[in-house]
Amino acid sequence: MKHTVQARLDVYMEAFEQIREKVGDDQIAAVLLQEIAKDNRMEQMRTERNGQPTSNLPATDKQLAYLHRLGVEVPNQLTKQEASELIDQATAKAAL
């Protein structure tokens, strides 16, 4: 366990150093590293979710309602997986 934590810390510190060299500011580098970590986690969650057998089921009413609130055009026969991906894309755009 200790080795795993150290290895992960080394990866993050190396990434931080590379970002800091590019932006020239510790605070900006820290924020960017945090966003990269979030993006990596979301990608991991998407990968895990895609393997679930429920991903081909129809989108839920809650997903469809949320997509409509986000102003997303909802295609016919949208699956849970597709709805989830559209929600991720729409919320990412809204965050910019």
N, C-alpha and C. Protein backbone atom coordinates (compact mmCIF):
# COMPACT_ATOMS: atom_id res chain seq x y z
N MET A 1 0.83 -1.19 0.00
CA MET A 1 0.00 0.00 0.00
C MET A 1 0.87 1.25 0.00
N LYS A 2 1.88 1.27 0.85
CA LYS A 2 2.75 2.44 0.95
C LYS A 2 3.45 2.70 -0.38
N HIS A 3 3.87 1.62 -1.05
CA HIS A 3 4.53 1.74 -2.35
C HIS A 3 3.58 2.34 -3.38
N THR A 4 2.31 1.93 -3.35
CA THR A 4 1.31 2.44 -4.29
C THR A 4 1.09 3.93 -4.10
N VAL A 5 0.99 4.36 -2.86
CA VAL A 5 0.80 5.78 -2.56
C VAL A 5 2.00 6.58 -3.04
N GLN A 6 3.20 6.09 -2.78
CA GLN A 6 4.40 6.78 -3.21
C GLN A 6 4.47 6.87 -4.73
N ALA A 7 4.13 5.79 -5.42
CA ALA A 7 4.15 5.79 -6.89
C ALA A 7 3.15 6.80 -7.44
N ARG A 8 1.97 6.84 -6.85
CA ARG A 8 0.95 7.81 -7.30
C ARG A 8 1.41 9.24 -7.02
N LEU A 9 1.99 9.45 -5.87
CA LEU A 9 2.51 10.77 -5.52
C LEU A 9 3.58 11.21 -6.51
N ASP A 10 4.47 10.29 -6.88
CA ASP A 10 5.52 10.61 -7.85
C ASP A 10 4.92 11.03 -9.20
N VAL A 11 3.89 10.33 -9.62
CA VAL A 11 3.24 10.66 -10.90
C VAL A 11 2.63 12.06 -10.83
N TYR A 12 1.93 12.35 -9.74
CA TYR A 12 1.31 13.67 -9.60
C TYR A 12 2.34 14.79 -9.49
N MET A 13 3.41 14.54 -8.76
CA MET A 13 4.45 15.56 -8.63
C MET A 13 5.12 15.84 -9.98
N GLU A 14 5.37 14.80 -10.74
CA GLU A 14 5.96 14.98 -12.07
C GLU A 14 5.01 15.79 -12.96
N ALA A 15 3.72 15.45 -12.92
CA ALA A 15 2.73 16.19 -13.71
C ALA A 15 2.68 17.65 -13.26
N PHE A 16 2.70 17.87 -11.94
CA PHE A 16 2.68 19.23 -11.42
C PHE A 16 3.88 20.02 -11.91
N GLU A 17 5.05 19.42 -11.87
CA GLU A 17 6.27 20.10 -12.33
C GLU A 17 6.18 20.47 -13.81
N GLN A 18 5.67 19.56 -14.62
CA GLN A 18 5.54 19.83 -16.05
C GLN A 18 4.54 20.96 -16.31
N ILE A 19 3.43 20.94 -15.59
CA ILE A 19 2.44 22.00 -15.76
C ILE A 19 3.01 23.33 -15.28
N ARG A 20 3.68 23.32 -14.14
CA ARG A 20 4.25 24.55 -13.60
C ARG A 20 5.26 25.16 -14.56
N GLU A 21 6.07 24.32 -15.20
CA GLU A 21 7.04 24.82 -16.18
C GLU A 21 6.33 25.53 -17.33
N LYS A 22 5.19 25.00 -17.73
CA LYS A 22 4.46 25.60 -18.86
C LYS A 22 3.74 26.89 -18.48
N VAL A 23 3.13 26.92 -17.28
CA VAL A 23 2.33 28.09 -16.91
C VAL A 23 3.07 29.08 -16.04
N GLY A 24 4.13 28.64 -15.38
CA GLY A 24 4.95 29.54 -14.58
C GLY A 24 4.31 30.01 -13.28
N ASP A 25 3.30 29.30 -12.79
CA ASP A 25 2.62 29.72 -11.57
C ASP A 25 2.16 28.49 -10.80
N ASP A 26 2.51 28.42 -9.51
CA ASP A 26 2.18 27.26 -8.70
C ASP A 26 0.67 27.07 -8.53
N GLN A 27 -0.05 28.16 -8.28
CA GLN A 27 -1.48 28.04 -8.04
C GLN A 27 -2.21 27.58 -9.30
N ILE A 28 -1.87 28.15 -10.43
CA ILE A 28 -2.51 27.74 -11.68
C ILE A 28 -2.17 26.29 -11.98
N ALA A 29 -0.93 25.90 -11.75
CA ALA A 29 -0.52 24.52 -11.98
C ALA A 29 -1.31 23.57 -11.09
N ALA A 30 -1.52 23.95 -9.83
CA ALA A 30 -2.27 23.09 -8.92
C ALA A 30 -3.72 22.93 -9.36
N VAL A 31 -4.32 24.03 -9.80
CA VAL A 31 -5.71 23.97 -10.26
C VAL A 31 -5.81 23.11 -11.53
N LEU A 32 -4.88 23.29 -12.44
CA LEU A 32 -4.90 22.48 -13.66
C LEU A 32 -4.69 21.01 -13.36
N LEU A 33 -3.81 20.70 -12.46
CA LEU A 33 -3.58 19.30 -12.07
C LEU A 33 -4.84 18.71 -11.45
N GLN A 34 -5.53 19.49 -10.66
CA GLN A 34 -6.78 19.04 -10.05
C GLN A 34 -7.81 18.72 -11.14
N GLU A 35 -7.91 19.57 -12.14
CA GLU A 35 -8.86 19.34 -13.24
C GLU A 35 -8.48 18.10 -14.04
N ILE A 36 -7.20 17.91 -14.26
CA ILE A 36 -6.74 16.71 -14.98
C ILE A 36 -7.10 15.46 -14.19
N ALA A 37 -6.92 15.51 -12.89
CA ALA A 37 -7.27 14.36 -12.05
C ALA A 37 -8.77 14.07 -12.11
N LYS A 38 -9.58 15.12 -12.11
CA LYS A 38 -11.03 14.94 -12.24
C LYS A 38 -11.37 14.32 -13.59
N ASP A 39 -10.76 14.82 -14.65
CA ASP A 39 -11.00 14.27 -15.98
C ASP A 39 -10.62 12.79 -16.04
N ASN A 40 -9.49 12.45 -15.44
CA ASN A 40 -9.07 11.05 -15.42
C ASN A 40 -10.06 10.18 -14.65
N ARG A 41 -10.56 10.69 -13.55
CA ARG A 41 -11.53 9.93 -12.76
C ARG A 41 -12.83 9.75 -13.53
N MET A 42 -13.28 10.80 -14.21
CA MET A 42 -14.51 10.70 -15.00
C MET A 42 -14.34 9.68 -16.12
N GLU A 43 -13.19 9.66 -16.75
CA GLU A 43 -12.92 8.69 -17.80
C GLU A 43 -12.93 7.27 -17.24
N GLN A 44 -12.37 7.10 -16.06
CA GLN A 44 -12.38 5.80 -15.41
C GLN A 44 -13.81 5.38 -15.10
N MET A 45 -14.62 6.30 -14.61
CA MET A 45 -16.01 5.99 -14.29
C MET A 45 -16.79 5.63 -15.55
N ARG A 46 -16.55 6.37 -16.64
CA ARG A 46 -17.20 6.05 -17.91
C ARG A 46 -16.83 4.65 -18.38
N THR A 47 -15.56 4.32 -18.28
CA THR A 47 -15.10 3.00 -18.70
C THR A 47 -15.76 1.91 -17.86
N GLU A 48 -15.83 2.12 -16.56
CA GLU A 48 -16.48 1.15 -15.68
C GLU A 48 -17.96 1.03 -16.01
N ARG A 49 -18.59 2.16 -16.26
CA ARG A 49 -20.03 2.19 -16.55
C ARG A 49 -20.34 1.52 -17.88
N ASN A 50 -19.47 1.67 -18.86
CA ASN A 50 -19.71 1.09 -20.18
C ASN A 50 -19.73 -0.43 -20.13
N GLY A 51 -19.07 -1.01 -19.18
CA GLY A 51 -19.04 -2.46 -19.08
C GLY A 51 -20.27 -3.06 -18.44
N GLN A 52 -21.13 -2.24 -17.89
CA GLN A 52 -22.31 -2.74 -17.21
C GLN A 52 -23.37 -3.17 -18.22
N PRO A 53 -24.05 -4.28 -17.96
CA PRO A 53 -25.07 -4.75 -18.90
C PRO A 53 -26.27 -3.82 -19.01
N THR A 54 -26.48 -2.93 -18.04
CA THR A 54 -27.62 -2.02 -18.09
C THR A 54 -27.40 -0.86 -19.05
N SER A 55 -26.21 -0.73 -19.60
CA SER A 55 -25.91 0.44 -20.44
C SER A 55 -26.72 0.48 -21.72
N ASN A 56 -27.29 -0.64 -22.15
CA ASN A 56 -28.09 -0.65 -23.37
C ASN A 56 -29.59 -0.50 -23.10
N LEU A 57 -29.95 -0.33 -21.85
CA LEU A 57 -31.35 -0.10 -21.51
C LEU A 57 -31.75 1.32 -21.91
N PRO A 58 -33.04 1.57 -22.09
CA PRO A 58 -33.48 2.92 -22.45
C PRO A 58 -33.12 3.94 -21.37
N ALA A 59 -32.88 5.17 -21.79
CA ALA A 59 -32.58 6.24 -20.85
C ALA A 59 -33.73 6.39 -19.85
N THR A 60 -33.37 6.76 -18.63
CA THR A 60 -34.39 6.93 -17.60
C THR A 60 -35.12 8.25 -17.80
N ASP A 61 -36.29 8.35 -17.18
CA ASP A 61 -37.05 9.60 -17.25
C ASP A 61 -36.25 10.75 -16.65
N LYS A 62 -35.51 10.47 -15.58
CA LYS A 62 -34.69 11.51 -14.94
C LYS A 62 -33.60 11.99 -15.89
N GLN A 63 -32.95 11.05 -16.59
CA GLN A 63 -31.91 11.44 -17.55
C GLN A 63 -32.51 12.32 -18.65
N LEU A 64 -33.64 11.90 -19.19
CA LEU A 64 -34.28 12.65 -20.28
C LEU A 64 -34.69 14.05 -19.81
N ALA A 65 -35.26 14.13 -18.61
CA ALA A 65 -35.67 15.43 -18.07
C ALA A 65 -34.45 16.34 -17.88
N TYR A 66 -33.37 15.78 -17.37
CA TYR A 66 -32.15 16.56 -17.15
C TYR A 66 -31.58 17.05 -18.48
N LEU A 67 -31.56 16.19 -19.46
CA LEU A 67 -31.07 16.60 -20.78
C LEU A 67 -31.91 17.74 -21.35
N HIS A 68 -33.23 17.67 -21.17
CA HIS A 68 -34.09 18.75 -21.65
C HIS A 68 -33.79 20.05 -20.90
N ARG A 69 -33.58 19.95 -19.58
CA ARG A 69 -33.23 21.16 -18.80
C ARG A 69 -31.91 21.75 -19.26
N LEU A 70 -30.99 20.89 -19.69
CA LEU A 70 -29.70 21.36 -20.18
C LEU A 70 -29.78 21.91 -21.60
N GLY A 71 -30.94 21.76 -22.23
CA GLY A 71 -31.12 22.25 -23.58
C GLY A 71 -30.54 21.34 -24.66
N VAL A 72 -30.38 20.07 -24.32
CA VAL A 72 -29.80 19.11 -25.26
C VAL A 72 -30.92 18.49 -26.09
N GLU A 73 -30.71 18.43 -27.40
CA GLU A 73 -31.66 17.75 -28.27
C GLU A 73 -31.51 16.25 -28.03
N VAL A 74 -32.60 15.60 -27.68
CA VAL A 74 -32.57 14.19 -27.31
C VAL A 74 -33.00 13.33 -28.50
N PRO A 75 -32.10 12.47 -28.98
CA PRO A 75 -32.48 11.58 -30.08
C PRO A 75 -33.46 10.49 -29.61
N ASN A 76 -34.20 9.92 -30.55
CA ASN A 76 -35.13 8.84 -30.23
C ASN A 76 -34.36 7.60 -29.77
N GLN A 77 -34.98 6.84 -28.90
CA GLN A 77 -34.46 5.57 -28.40
C GLN A 77 -33.06 5.70 -27.82
N LEU A 78 -32.86 6.73 -27.04
CA LEU A 78 -31.59 6.97 -26.37
C LEU A 78 -31.37 5.94 -25.27
N THR A 79 -30.17 5.39 -25.18
CA THR A 79 -29.85 4.42 -24.13
C THR A 79 -29.35 5.15 -22.89
N LYS A 80 -29.29 4.42 -21.77
CA LYS A 80 -28.76 4.99 -20.54
C LYS A 80 -27.32 5.47 -20.74
N GLN A 81 -26.54 4.65 -21.43
CA GLN A 81 -25.14 5.00 -21.67
C GLN A 81 -25.04 6.26 -22.52
N GLU A 82 -25.80 6.32 -23.59
CA GLU A 82 -25.75 7.49 -24.47
C GLU A 82 -26.23 8.74 -23.73
N ALA A 83 -27.28 8.59 -22.94
CA ALA A 83 -27.78 9.73 -22.17
C ALA A 83 -26.73 10.20 -21.18
N SER A 84 -26.07 9.28 -20.54
CA SER A 84 -25.01 9.63 -19.59
C SER A 84 -23.89 10.40 -20.27
N GLU A 85 -23.50 9.94 -21.45
CA GLU A 85 -22.44 10.62 -22.20
C GLU A 85 -22.87 12.02 -22.62
N LEU A 86 -24.13 12.17 -23.07
CA LEU A 86 -24.63 13.49 -23.44
C LEU A 86 -24.66 14.42 -22.23
N ILE A 87 -25.06 13.90 -21.09
CA ILE A 87 -25.08 14.71 -19.86
C ILE A 87 -23.66 15.15 -19.52
N ASP A 88 -22.70 14.24 -19.58
CA ASP A 88 -21.31 14.58 -19.30
C ASP A 88 -20.82 15.68 -20.24
N GLN A 89 -21.13 15.56 -21.51
CA GLN A 89 -20.68 16.55 -22.50
C GLN A 89 -21.34 17.90 -22.23
N ALA A 90 -22.64 17.90 -21.98
CA ALA A 90 -23.36 19.15 -21.76
C ALA A 90 -22.91 19.86 -20.48
N THR A 91 -22.67 19.10 -19.42
CA THR A 91 -22.24 19.74 -18.18
C THR A 91 -20.80 20.22 -18.30
N ALA A 92 -19.97 19.52 -19.06
CA ALA A 92 -18.59 19.97 -19.28
C ALA A 92 -18.58 21.28 -20.05
N LYS A 93 -19.43 21.39 -21.05
CA LYS A 93 -19.52 22.64 -21.83
C LYS A 93 -20.03 23.78 -20.97
N ALA A 94 -20.99 23.48 -20.11
CA ALA A 94 -21.56 24.51 -19.23
C ALA A 94 -20.53 25.00 -18.23
N ALA A 95 -19.59 24.14 -17.84
CA ALA A 95 -18.58 24.51 -16.85
C ALA A 95 -17.54 25.45 -17.44
N LEU A 96 -17.41 25.45 -18.77
CA LEU A 96 -16.42 26.32 -19.40
C LEU A 96 -16.92 27.70 -19.37
